[in-house]
Amino acid sequence: MQQQIYRVGVEDIDYYPMYSNKSAIDNPGFLIDVLEIFAKQHNIKFEYIHLPTTRFHEWYQKEDIDFRLPDHSLWNSGNEGLVFSEDIINLRADTVVLKENRKLPESEIRTIGTLYGFIPGPQWASRIEENNIEFVYEGSTRILIRMLKKGLIDGLDLNIHVVKHYATELGYDANDFALAKHAPSTQFSYQLSTTSHPDIIRQFDAFLENAKNEIAALKRANNIYN
């Protein structure tokens, strides 16, 4: 039986261990590892199309993709008729700061660095409305980490596992980066979405339920810990 091929839109950024840009062929990251296990079990093939995060909302209309990864209903106004999978991984959106600043009062965290195309988490909504916090956007996780290390920004709205990975790559001590104890946080998750293949989403949901041990092993292999 010939394999069915589906096109998956993935953000073209360095965000390992969650996912990587198109240059990281040998280390695609946790989310793609999960999809690959699912694909092998169901005799299908995913072709990964790395696309600009800043045009995330246009992918389905302009890029002719079948799925979008990662996605979440909170990122989509109106939801565009999308169908979402169950959660692939549950995470907590925290603020990463230098270790010596982890006990800073929230009021002293005034500039937050994040990636182009990322939406500030709902935990910052009130301060954004009050106009007493500034978000600084860059196209590179590495640049943002350097900015934090040099004191050019107060914190990062990025996953702590991602920050520690690239901090180590840059030659910094990963333990120099920590979660801000007094900054707001919120729970979120990564999901798979589609506009045209709800049957595959149903199969993927069943896979997520039945492959919990394999997924837990992938987390450990990618140094992702709760």
Protein backbone atom coordinates (compact mmCIF):
# COMPACT_ATOMS: atom_id res chain seq x y z
CA MET A 1 0.00 0.00 0.00
CA GLN A 2 1.42 3.37 -1.06
CA GLN A 3 2.11 5.87 1.71
CA GLN A 4 -0.10 8.93 1.86
CA ILE A 5 2.00 12.12 2.07
CA TYR A 6 0.83 15.11 4.12
CA ARG A 7 2.44 18.55 4.30
CA VAL A 8 3.03 19.89 7.81
CA GLY A 9 3.77 23.59 8.31
CA VAL A 10 6.38 24.13 11.04
CA GLU A 11 7.74 27.43 12.36
CA ASP A 12 11.12 28.13 10.76
CA ILE A 13 12.92 29.14 13.94
CA ASP A 14 15.49 27.69 16.33
CA TYR A 15 13.36 26.46 19.21
CA TYR A 16 15.05 23.20 20.11
CA PRO A 17 14.33 20.86 21.88
CA MET A 18 10.69 21.58 20.95
CA TYR A 19 11.39 21.99 17.23
CA SER A 20 14.10 23.36 14.96
CA ASN A 21 14.45 25.33 11.75
CA LYS A 22 14.93 23.78 8.33
CA SER A 23 18.73 23.60 8.68
CA ALA A 24 18.55 21.17 11.62
CA ILE A 25 17.86 18.00 9.61
CA ASP A 26 19.45 15.65 12.16
CA ASN A 27 17.78 17.22 15.23
CA PRO A 28 14.21 18.15 14.30
CA GLY A 29 13.05 18.26 17.92
CA PHE A 30 10.49 16.65 20.19
CA LEU A 31 7.29 17.58 18.31
CA ILE A 32 8.46 16.17 14.99
CA ASP A 33 9.81 13.07 16.74
CA VAL A 34 6.28 12.46 18.07
CA LEU A 35 4.72 12.88 14.63
CA GLU A 36 7.26 10.52 13.09
CA ILE A 37 6.37 7.71 15.51
CA PHE A 38 2.69 8.24 14.70
CA ALA A 39 3.39 8.28 10.95
CA LYS A 40 5.28 5.00 11.04
CA GLN A 41 2.49 3.30 12.95
CA HIS A 42 -0.12 4.46 10.41
CA ASN A 43 1.91 4.04 7.20
CA ILE A 44 1.76 7.71 6.29
CA LYS A 45 4.49 10.22 5.52
CA PHE A 46 4.81 13.80 6.74
CA GLU A 47 6.68 16.35 4.67
CA TYR A 48 7.77 19.26 6.88
CA ILE A 49 7.50 22.72 5.36
CA HIS A 50 9.31 25.36 7.42
CA LEU A 51 7.47 28.68 7.20
CA PRO A 52 7.83 32.21 8.64
CA THR A 53 6.28 32.60 12.07
CA THR A 54 5.27 36.16 11.25
CA ARG A 55 2.83 34.83 8.61
CA PHE A 56 1.49 32.02 10.79
CA HIS A 57 -2.17 32.92 10.19
CA GLU A 58 -1.70 32.76 6.41
CA TRP A 59 -0.17 29.29 6.16
CA TYR A 60 -3.34 27.39 5.34
CA GLN A 61 -4.55 29.92 2.81
CA LYS A 62 -1.25 30.54 1.00
CA GLU A 63 1.05 27.59 1.58
CA ASP A 64 -1.22 24.62 0.74
CA ILE A 65 -0.37 22.68 3.88
CA ASP A 66 -2.38 19.89 5.49
CA PHE A 67 -1.39 20.45 9.13
CA ARG A 68 0.16 23.14 11.30
CA LEU A 69 2.60 22.40 14.13
CA PRO A 70 2.63 23.60 16.81
CA ASP A 71 -0.75 25.24 17.08
CA HIS A 72 -3.32 26.07 19.72
CA SER A 73 -6.84 27.40 19.66
CA LEU A 74 -5.76 30.43 21.72
CA TRP A 75 -3.51 31.57 18.86
CA ASN A 76 -6.37 31.73 16.38
CA SER A 77 -9.07 34.39 16.38
CA GLY A 78 -12.20 32.83 14.96
CA ASN A 79 -10.34 29.52 14.59
CA GLU A 80 -10.81 29.55 10.78
CA GLY A 81 -12.68 26.24 10.90
CA LEU A 82 -9.64 24.51 12.37
CA VAL A 83 -9.70 21.13 14.06
CA PHE A 84 -7.20 20.69 16.90
CA SER A 85 -5.67 17.57 18.34
CA GLU A 86 -5.45 16.82 22.01
CA ASP A 87 -2.40 18.26 23.77
CA ILE A 88 0.91 16.84 22.56
CA ILE A 89 2.71 18.42 25.50
CA ASN A 90 1.57 20.65 28.35
CA LEU A 91 3.87 23.48 29.34
CA ARG A 92 3.93 26.49 31.60
CA ALA A 93 4.65 29.93 30.20
CA ASP A 94 7.11 31.51 32.61
CA THR A 95 9.57 34.37 32.42
CA VAL A 96 13.24 33.38 32.18
CA VAL A 97 15.68 35.70 33.94
CA LEU A 98 19.29 35.59 35.06
CA LYS A 99 19.60 33.45 38.17
CA GLU A 100 20.63 36.37 40.36
CA ASN A 101 17.41 38.17 39.40
CA ARG A 102 15.00 35.31 39.98
CA LYS A 103 13.50 36.99 43.08
CA LEU A 104 12.95 40.38 41.44
CA PRO A 105 9.53 41.88 42.11
CA GLU A 106 7.28 41.73 39.08
CA SER A 107 7.25 45.54 38.90
CA GLU A 108 11.00 45.52 38.17
CA ILE A 109 10.58 43.29 35.11
CA ARG A 110 9.93 45.95 32.50
CA THR A 111 11.34 44.61 29.21
CA ILE A 112 10.62 41.13 27.91
CA GLY A 113 12.35 39.56 24.91
CA THR A 114 10.59 37.12 22.61
CA LEU A 115 10.62 35.94 19.01
CA TYR A 116 9.03 37.65 16.02
CA GLY A 117 5.58 36.17 15.48
CA PHE A 118 5.16 35.03 19.09
CA ILE A 119 2.12 36.41 20.90
CA PRO A 120 2.63 37.66 24.49
CA GLY A 121 1.02 35.25 26.92
CA PRO A 122 -2.29 36.13 28.58
CA GLN A 123 -0.45 36.50 31.89
CA TRP A 124 0.88 39.84 30.60
CA ALA A 125 -2.47 41.19 29.35
CA SER A 126 -3.10 43.59 32.24
CA ARG A 127 0.40 45.09 32.13
CA ILE A 128 0.25 45.48 28.35
CA GLU A 129 -3.08 47.25 28.73
CA GLU A 130 -1.56 49.53 31.37
CA ASN A 131 1.41 50.16 29.05
CA ASN A 132 3.98 49.43 31.75
CA ILE A 133 5.85 46.60 30.08
CA GLU A 134 7.74 46.49 26.78
CA PHE A 135 8.15 43.47 24.52
CA VAL A 136 11.33 43.34 22.45
CA TYR A 137 11.16 41.11 19.36
CA GLU A 138 14.06 39.37 17.63
CA GLY A 139 14.33 36.69 14.98
CA SER A 140 16.89 34.59 16.86
CA THR A 141 16.71 32.78 20.19
CA ARG A 142 20.48 33.11 20.49
CA ILE A 143 20.35 36.89 20.12
CA LEU A 144 17.67 37.13 22.80
CA ILE A 145 19.76 35.06 25.21
CA ARG A 146 22.78 37.28 24.60
CA MET A 147 20.63 40.35 25.24
CA LEU A 148 19.46 38.91 28.56
CA LYS A 149 23.00 37.97 29.57
CA LYS A 150 24.20 41.52 28.82
CA GLY A 151 21.36 43.08 30.81
CA LEU A 152 19.72 44.70 27.76
CA ILE A 153 16.38 43.13 28.69
CA ASP A 154 14.97 41.92 32.00
CA GLY A 155 13.54 38.57 30.95
CA LEU A 156 12.55 36.23 28.17
CA ASP A 157 9.10 35.01 27.24
CA LEU A 158 10.55 31.70 26.01
CA ASN A 159 10.49 28.13 27.24
CA ILE A 160 13.14 27.45 29.90
CA HIS A 161 14.28 24.21 28.20
CA VAL A 162 14.85 26.11 24.96
CA VAL A 163 16.81 28.86 26.74
CA LYS A 164 19.04 26.39 28.56
CA HIS A 165 19.76 24.48 25.34
CA TYR A 166 20.92 27.54 23.40
CA ALA A 167 22.68 29.06 26.42
CA THR A 168 24.85 25.94 26.61
CA GLU A 169 25.46 26.11 22.85
CA LEU A 170 26.61 29.73 23.27
CA GLY A 171 29.08 28.74 25.97
CA TYR A 172 27.09 30.05 28.93
CA ASP A 173 26.34 28.06 32.07
CA ALA A 174 22.73 26.90 31.66
CA ASN A 175 22.30 27.21 35.43
CA ASP A 176 22.77 30.98 35.11
CA PHE A 177 19.21 31.14 33.73
CA ALA A 178 16.18 30.57 35.94
CA LEU A 179 12.46 31.20 36.21
CA ALA A 180 11.34 34.48 37.74
CA LYS A 181 9.62 33.63 41.01
CA HIS A 182 7.32 36.66 41.08
CA ALA A 183 6.42 37.04 37.40
CA PRO A 184 3.00 35.82 36.28
CA SER A 185 2.72 32.48 34.52
CA THR A 186 0.10 30.47 32.69
CA GLN A 187 -0.43 26.95 31.39
CA PHE A 188 -0.50 26.25 27.66
CA SER A 189 0.02 23.34 25.31
CA TYR A 190 1.17 22.42 21.83
CA GLN A 191 -1.36 20.83 19.50
CA LEU A 192 -1.59 19.72 15.88
CA SER A 193 -4.21 21.44 13.72
CA THR A 194 -5.83 20.88 10.34
CA THR A 195 -8.55 22.33 8.14
CA SER A 196 -9.15 19.26 6.01
CA HIS A 197 -8.09 16.05 7.76
CA PRO A 198 -10.13 15.58 10.97
CA ASP A 199 -9.86 11.81 10.48
CA ILE A 200 -6.08 12.01 10.92
CA ILE A 201 -6.53 14.18 14.01
CA ARG A 202 -8.80 11.50 15.52
CA GLN A 203 -6.17 8.86 14.82
CA PHE A 204 -3.49 11.11 16.30
CA ASP A 205 -5.55 11.65 19.46
CA ALA A 206 -5.85 7.89 19.93
CA PHE A 207 -2.09 7.60 19.40
CA LEU A 208 -1.40 10.25 22.07
CA GLU A 209 -3.49 8.28 24.53
CA ASN A 210 -1.87 4.94 23.75
CA ALA A 211 1.75 6.07 23.35
CA LYS A 212 2.25 7.88 26.65
CA ASN A 213 5.30 5.82 27.58
CA GLU A 214 6.98 6.43 24.21
CA ILE A 215 6.25 10.15 24.43
CA ALA A 216 7.63 10.30 27.97
CA ALA A 217 10.82 8.62 26.69
CA LEU A 218 11.08 11.23 23.92
CA LYS A 219 10.81 13.99 26.52
CA ARG A 220 13.68 12.50 28.48
CA ALA A 221 15.74 12.06 25.32
CA ASN A 222 15.21 15.73 24.49
CA ASN A 223 15.92 16.91 28.08
CA ILE A 224 12.35 18.13 28.59
CA TYR A 225 11.29 17.83 32.21
CA ASN A 226 8.17 18.94 34.05
